[in-house]
């Protein structure tokens, strides 16, 4: 299974991201836009794992969550990565010490479980709006589009997600939630769900 560790977003935050995403769509000729059900903040991509590795990740997540208290993150305008003449456009997150500390603690916890981790260039917290985008205008024009006010998003848990294709559609399916200072909540159903 292909997994990653992330932060779920409340429905109200997803709704606000849809409004921003519509502005990006209007400024684009084409692209693959994130399904609103898939909006999340990736904290650590893992990749393909077996059942033993999944269990080790869950142990690391439980340990990390037990030491973490809730905090807020705040959006911070549009940003992008540029690859092969196409854009990955995202909503940025303001610099946030608790989030950086969580990222560092998570890496330490995963290494404690002897999980092989791919080298990451930098942790750039963001909420992906779309990939493979071809813009119809210059970035400078899009970057000045009026956006909703920055939103404050509560972070109260880490989630282990599985990336799967269901009926040809990419779905980020929560496998287990790890509430801060709390217990693990299994979210996977007996049948795959489009959550």
Protein backbone atom coordinates (compact mmCIF):
# COMPACT_ATOMS: atom_id res chain seq x y z
CA UNK A 1 0.00 0.00 0.00
CA UNK A 2 1.08 3.57 -0.73
CA UNK A 3 0.83 5.79 2.34
CA UNK A 4 1.59 9.24 3.67
CA UNK A 5 1.12 11.13 6.92
CA UNK A 6 -1.00 14.25 6.87
CA UNK A 7 -3.45 16.57 8.55
CA UNK A 8 -7.16 16.48 7.75
CA UNK A 9 -8.94 19.75 7.06
CA UNK A 10 -12.35 20.74 8.43
CA UNK A 11 -15.17 21.01 5.87
CA UNK A 12 -15.31 24.80 6.22
CA UNK A 13 -11.63 25.03 5.24
CA UNK A 14 -12.21 22.75 2.25
CA UNK A 15 -15.04 25.03 1.13
CA UNK A 16 -12.79 28.09 1.28
CA UNK A 17 -10.10 26.25 -0.69
CA UNK A 18 -12.67 25.41 -3.39
CA UNK A 19 -13.31 29.16 -3.83
CA UNK A 20 -9.58 29.77 -4.29
CA UNK A 21 -9.29 26.76 -6.60
CA UNK A 22 -12.05 28.24 -8.83
CA UNK A 23 -9.92 31.37 -9.30
CA UNK A 24 -6.98 29.18 -10.36
CA UNK A 25 -9.21 27.23 -12.77
CA UNK A 26 -10.38 30.49 -14.39
CA UNK A 27 -6.74 31.45 -14.95
CA UNK A 28 -5.80 28.04 -16.44
CA UNK A 29 -6.02 26.42 -19.84
CA UNK A 30 -5.90 22.93 -18.34
CA UNK A 31 -4.75 20.96 -15.32
CA UNK A 32 -5.63 18.24 -12.84
CA UNK A 33 -7.37 19.91 -9.92
CA UNK A 34 -7.51 18.36 -6.45
CA UNK A 35 -10.85 16.83 -5.54
CA UNK A 36 -12.12 18.79 -2.50
CA UNK A 37 -12.49 15.50 -0.58
CA UNK A 38 -8.72 15.05 -1.00
CA UNK A 39 -7.67 18.44 0.41
CA UNK A 40 -5.14 17.86 3.22
CA UNK A 41 -1.75 19.01 4.45
CA UNK A 42 1.00 16.45 3.86
CA UNK A 43 3.44 16.25 6.75
CA UNK A 44 5.50 13.27 5.54
CA UNK A 45 5.26 11.20 2.36
CA UNK A 46 6.21 7.57 2.98
CA UNK A 47 5.46 5.55 -0.19
CA UNK A 48 4.96 1.80 -0.55
CA UNK A 49 4.88 -0.16 2.72
CA UNK A 50 4.01 -3.66 3.85
CA UNK A 51 1.85 -4.54 6.86
CA UNK A 52 4.82 -4.65 9.28
CA UNK A 53 6.01 -1.23 8.15
CA UNK A 54 2.47 0.15 8.46
CA UNK A 55 2.36 -1.10 12.07
CA UNK A 56 5.72 0.55 12.76
CA UNK A 57 4.45 3.84 11.31
CA UNK A 58 1.34 3.64 13.51
CA UNK A 59 3.53 3.08 16.59
CA UNK A 60 5.61 6.14 15.64
CA UNK A 61 2.48 8.23 15.06
CA UNK A 62 0.94 7.23 18.39
CA UNK A 63 4.17 8.17 20.22
CA UNK A 64 4.41 11.49 18.39
CA UNK A 65 0.74 12.41 18.95
CA UNK A 66 0.94 11.60 22.66
CA UNK A 67 3.57 14.33 23.07
CA UNK A 68 1.80 16.98 20.99
CA UNK A 69 -0.87 19.52 21.89
CA UNK A 70 -3.34 21.08 19.42
CA UNK A 71 -2.37 24.25 17.56
CA UNK A 72 -3.50 26.47 14.68
CA UNK A 73 -2.03 26.94 11.23
CA UNK A 74 -2.90 29.84 8.94
CA UNK A 75 -3.06 30.06 5.15
CA UNK A 76 -0.82 32.53 3.37
CA UNK A 77 -1.69 33.16 -0.29
CA UNK A 78 -0.88 31.23 -3.46
CA UNK A 79 2.42 29.56 -4.25
CA UNK A 80 3.73 27.13 -6.82
CA UNK A 81 6.27 24.54 -7.90
CA UNK A 82 7.20 24.59 -11.60
CA UNK A 83 8.07 21.32 -13.39
CA UNK A 84 8.39 20.57 -17.11
CA UNK A 85 6.55 23.72 -18.21
CA UNK A 86 3.61 22.95 -15.92
CA UNK A 87 2.59 24.30 -12.55
CA UNK A 88 1.68 22.75 -9.22
CA UNK A 89 -0.32 25.51 -7.56
CA UNK A 90 -1.01 25.56 -3.84
CA UNK A 91 -2.21 27.62 -0.92
CA UNK A 92 0.70 28.33 1.38
CA UNK A 93 0.88 28.06 5.17
CA UNK A 94 2.41 30.85 7.27
CA UNK A 95 5.60 30.02 9.14
CA UNK A 96 4.53 28.03 12.18
CA UNK A 97 6.83 26.82 14.97
CA UNK A 98 4.49 24.09 16.31
CA UNK A 99 4.11 22.64 12.79
CA UNK A 100 7.89 22.65 12.22
CA UNK A 101 8.42 20.99 15.61
CA UNK A 102 5.76 18.40 14.79
CA UNK A 103 7.52 17.62 11.50
CA UNK A 104 10.88 17.22 13.28
CA UNK A 105 9.39 15.10 16.08
CA UNK A 106 7.61 12.89 13.54
CA UNK A 107 10.86 12.22 11.68
CA UNK A 108 12.61 11.33 14.96
CA UNK A 109 9.72 9.03 15.90
CA UNK A 110 9.76 7.29 12.49
CA UNK A 111 13.53 6.82 12.65
CA UNK A 112 13.05 5.29 16.11
CA UNK A 113 10.95 2.62 14.39
CA UNK A 114 13.76 2.14 11.85
CA UNK A 115 11.58 3.32 8.96
CA UNK A 116 13.69 4.06 5.89
CA UNK A 117 12.88 7.67 5.00
CA UNK A 118 13.54 9.27 1.64
CA UNK A 119 15.64 12.41 1.84
CA UNK A 120 13.45 15.51 1.59
CA UNK A 121 14.78 18.74 0.14
CA UNK A 122 12.74 21.01 2.43
CA UNK A 123 9.48 20.94 4.32
CA UNK A 124 7.24 23.49 2.57
CA UNK A 125 3.79 23.20 4.15
CA UNK A 126 1.08 23.74 1.54
CA UNK A 127 -2.41 22.71 0.42
CA UNK A 128 -2.29 21.51 -3.21
CA UNK A 129 -5.01 23.01 -5.43
CA UNK A 130 -3.93 21.45 -8.73
CA UNK A 131 -1.13 19.75 -10.67
CA UNK A 132 0.01 19.77 -14.28
CA UNK A 133 -1.55 23.20 -14.73
CA UNK A 134 -1.01 25.24 -17.87
CA UNK A 135 -1.73 28.89 -17.06
CA UNK A 136 -3.58 31.14 -19.49
CA UNK A 137 -1.83 34.19 -18.05
CA UNK A 138 1.36 35.21 -16.29
CA UNK A 139 1.84 34.06 -12.68
CA UNK A 140 2.08 37.69 -11.56
CA UNK A 141 -1.52 38.25 -12.72
CA UNK A 142 -2.83 35.15 -10.92
CA UNK A 143 -0.89 35.96 -7.76
CA UNK A 144 -2.76 39.28 -7.47
CA UNK A 145 -6.27 37.78 -7.70
CA UNK A 146 -8.26 38.76 -4.59
CA UNK A 147 -8.49 35.79 -2.24
CA UNK A 148 -10.63 35.11 0.83
CA UNK A 149 -9.01 36.24 4.09
CA UNK A 150 -6.31 33.92 5.44
CA UNK A 151 -7.98 31.10 7.36
CA UNK A 152 -6.96 29.68 10.69
CA UNK A 153 -7.11 25.87 10.65
CA UNK A 154 -7.08 23.79 13.85
CA UNK A 155 -4.57 20.93 13.94
CA UNK A 156 -5.65 18.33 16.49
CA UNK A 157 -4.41 15.03 15.05
CA UNK A 158 -2.16 13.29 12.55
CA UNK A 159 -3.70 10.90 10.03
CA UNK A 160 -2.18 7.96 8.20
CA UNK A 161 -3.59 8.09 4.66
CA UNK A 162 -3.54 5.50 1.90
CA UNK A 163 -3.38 6.75 -1.68
CA UNK A 164 -5.60 4.49 -3.83
CA UNK A 165 -7.48 4.56 -7.13
CA UNK A 166 -11.16 3.71 -6.81
CA UNK A 167 -13.14 3.48 -10.05
CA UNK A 168 -10.38 5.41 -11.80
CA UNK A 169 -10.45 8.22 -9.23
CA UNK A 170 -7.54 9.09 -6.92
CA UNK A 171 -8.66 8.89 -3.28
CA UNK A 172 -6.68 9.72 -0.14
CA UNK A 173 -8.28 7.29 2.27
CA UNK A 174 -7.71 7.77 6.03
CA UNK A 175 -6.51 4.54 7.66
CA UNK A 176 -6.15 5.80 11.23
CA UNK A 177 -6.27 9.10 13.13
CA UNK A 178 -3.87 9.89 15.97
CA UNK A 179 -5.40 12.68 18.10
CA UNK A 180 -2.94 14.82 20.00
CA UNK A 181 -2.78 13.79 23.65
CA UNK A 182 -5.37 11.14 22.79
CA UNK A 183 -6.02 7.65 21.49
CA UNK A 184 -5.94 6.21 17.97
CA UNK A 185 -9.22 6.30 16.07
CA UNK A 186 -9.52 3.82 13.20
CA UNK A 187 -11.36 5.41 10.31
CA UNK A 188 -11.12 2.73 7.65
CA UNK A 189 -14.40 0.99 6.88
CA UNK A 190 -14.85 -2.57 5.72
CA UNK A 191 -15.56 -1.18 2.26
CA UNK A 192 -13.39 1.55 0.70
CA UNK A 193 -14.89 4.96 1.33
CA UNK A 194 -14.32 8.19 -0.56
CA UNK A 195 -13.43 10.32 2.46
